[in-house]
Every structure is written in structure tokens, then in C-alpha cells.
Amino acid sequence: MFLSAVKRIGVVLAAVAGAAVLAASPASAAQQCGDLRGPEGGTLPLCKSWNWDGNDYDGKWWTNGPSSLPSHTYLQRSEDGSVTNSSFSGSYQDVKTIRFRLCDSSTRRCTGWW
């Protein structure tokens, strides 16, 4: 009985120690890719990466293949709610939320945020 209780306590302590190490480790970089559809047709294969640095994210975005977007389609990005026209690749620092969408200059339509 005593030996069984000691084994259970050891398992619990090992699990708690493992969880503490995991919680203390910095998050590794993550990446997501998708095909963004333009509001007037075509697609843009876009990837974004992010790395949690303790209080916000740093990362990059880039195209992941050829685009079939019409020439009047452009990319916008939103960094913490601040929207700007964007190049098709770049980096960012100290951002809590980053999103991308495609807009069309001839129809003034935009897609939903990704």
C-alpha cells in the first residue's frame, strides 16, 4: 500500500514538473498558409508566421507560389486594427493581431480578413 502511494505521488510530481517546464518554455514559431481569393476572382497563395515573444508577436508574411489575381487587386493588412495597403511580403514586430485581405481598386470591394 505504501509503495503504491509513493509511485502515485512520483507520477503526479513528474507530471507537474513536466507541465512547469512546458509552461516556462517560449512558444516556438508557428506558420499558416492559405489561398486567398480576390473579390473579383483569382487567388493569392499567402503564408504568415508568428512567434510569441512574451507580450506580443513578431513574424513575416510572403507569397507561396504564383498569383492569379487581376492587376487591380491589392493586399491590405491589419496590425492591431490599423489597416494599411501592403506589399506581398514583409515582416512585423510587436503586434498582438495581424490579418490580411484582398481588395479591388476598380470595384472598391474587399474580402473578409484572414
Protein backbone atom coordinates (compact mmCIF):
# COMPACT_ATOMS: atom_id res chain seq x y z
CA MET A 1 0.00 0.00 0.00
CA PHE A 2 2.75 2.47 0.96
CA LEU A 3 4.78 1.63 -2.17
CA SER A 4 1.71 2.18 -4.36
CA ALA A 5 1.10 5.61 -2.84
CA VAL A 6 4.75 6.58 -3.36
CA LYS A 7 4.53 5.57 -7.04
CA ARG A 8 1.36 7.64 -7.50
CA ILE A 9 2.98 10.68 -5.85
CA GLY A 10 6.04 10.25 -8.09
CA VAL A 11 3.86 10.15 -11.21
CA VAL A 12 1.98 13.27 -10.10
CA LEU A 13 5.22 15.14 -9.31
CA ALA A 14 6.70 14.17 -12.69
CA ALA A 15 3.57 15.40 -14.48
CA VAL A 16 3.61 18.70 -12.57
CA ALA A 17 7.32 19.21 -13.25
CA GLY A 18 6.80 18.47 -16.97
CA ALA A 19 3.94 20.94 -17.15
CA ALA A 20 6.04 23.62 -15.43
CA VAL A 21 8.88 23.15 -17.94
CA LEU A 22 6.40 23.31 -20.83
CA ALA A 23 4.79 26.48 -19.44
CA ALA A 24 8.17 28.14 -18.93
CA SER A 25 9.42 27.36 -22.44
CA PRO A 26 8.95 30.09 -25.04
CA ALA A 27 6.46 29.24 -27.75
CA SER A 28 8.01 28.15 -31.00
CA ALA A 29 7.28 29.91 -34.25
CA ALA A 30 4.07 28.93 -36.00
CA GLN A 31 3.15 29.21 -39.65
CA GLN A 32 -0.09 29.20 -41.64
CA CYS A 33 -0.60 29.22 -45.40
CA GLY A 34 -3.75 29.65 -47.43
CA ASP A 35 -5.10 30.59 -50.83
CA LEU A 36 -6.75 33.99 -50.54
CA ARG A 37 -9.47 34.56 -53.14
CA GLY A 38 -9.70 38.01 -54.66
CA PRO A 39 -13.01 39.90 -54.57
CA GLU A 40 -13.09 39.85 -58.39
CA GLY A 41 -11.53 36.42 -58.88
CA GLY A 42 -8.10 34.88 -58.81
CA THR A 43 -6.11 33.60 -55.86
CA LEU A 44 -3.04 34.57 -53.89
CA PRO A 45 -1.15 31.82 -52.05
CA LEU A 46 -0.06 33.61 -48.87
CA CYS A 47 1.78 32.40 -45.77
CA LYS A 48 2.22 34.09 -42.42
CA SER A 49 4.38 33.16 -39.47
CA TRP A 50 4.40 34.38 -35.91
CA ASN A 51 6.46 33.96 -32.79
CA TRP A 52 5.23 34.91 -29.30
CA ASP A 53 7.97 36.89 -27.57
CA GLY A 54 6.31 37.16 -24.18
CA ASN A 55 3.85 40.01 -24.69
CA ASP A 56 3.10 40.16 -28.44
CA TYR A 57 4.07 38.61 -31.78
CA ASP A 58 6.85 39.07 -34.31
CA GLY A 59 6.61 37.44 -37.73
CA LYS A 60 6.63 37.51 -41.51
CA TRP A 61 4.33 37.06 -44.48
CA TRP A 62 5.14 36.01 -48.04
CA THR A 63 3.62 34.58 -51.19
CA ASN A 64 3.89 30.84 -51.57
CA GLY A 65 3.60 30.48 -55.34
CA PRO A 66 2.24 32.35 -58.34
CA SER A 67 -0.75 34.64 -58.04
CA SER A 68 -3.67 34.61 -60.45
CA LEU A 69 -5.13 37.90 -59.19
CA PRO A 70 -6.28 40.61 -61.61
CA SER A 71 -3.82 43.52 -61.81
CA HIS A 72 -6.19 45.85 -59.92
CA THR A 73 -6.24 43.64 -56.80
CA TYR A 74 -4.04 44.62 -53.86
CA LEU A 75 -3.25 43.31 -50.39
CA GLN A 76 -4.15 45.06 -47.15
CA ARG A 77 -3.01 44.14 -43.67
CA SER A 78 -4.37 45.00 -40.27
CA GLU A 79 -1.96 45.23 -37.36
CA ASP A 80 -3.92 45.55 -34.12
CA GLY A 81 -6.77 47.18 -36.07
CA SER A 82 -4.63 49.65 -38.03
CA VAL A 83 -5.24 48.96 -41.75
CA THR A 84 -2.63 49.72 -44.42
CA ASN A 85 -2.04 48.76 -48.03
CA SER A 86 0.67 46.14 -48.04
CA SER A 87 3.40 44.61 -50.14
CA PHE A 88 3.08 40.89 -50.82
CA SER A 89 5.88 40.07 -48.38
CA GLY A 90 7.29 41.65 -45.28
CA SER A 91 7.75 41.38 -41.56
CA TYR A 92 6.22 42.82 -38.42
CA GLN A 93 7.14 43.23 -34.76
CA ASP A 94 5.29 43.89 -31.53
CA VAL A 95 1.82 43.06 -32.87
CA LYS A 96 -0.98 41.32 -30.98
CA THR A 97 -3.18 40.60 -34.04
CA ILE A 98 -2.28 40.57 -37.73
CA ARG A 99 -4.75 39.90 -40.54
CA PHE A 100 -4.75 40.14 -44.34
CA ARG A 101 -7.37 40.71 -47.02
CA LEU A 102 -7.52 41.40 -50.74
CA CYS A 103 -9.19 44.48 -52.21
CA ASP A 104 -10.06 45.53 -55.76
CA SER A 105 -9.35 49.10 -56.79
CA SER A 106 -11.89 49.13 -59.64
CA THR A 107 -14.91 47.90 -57.64
CA ARG A 108 -13.72 49.05 -54.19
CA ARG A 109 -14.66 45.64 -52.79
CA CYS A 110 -12.58 43.71 -50.24
CA THR A 111 -12.66 40.14 -49.00
CA GLY A 112 -13.02 39.08 -45.38
CA TRP A 113 -9.97 39.15 -43.14
CA TRP A 114 -7.67 36.15 -42.94
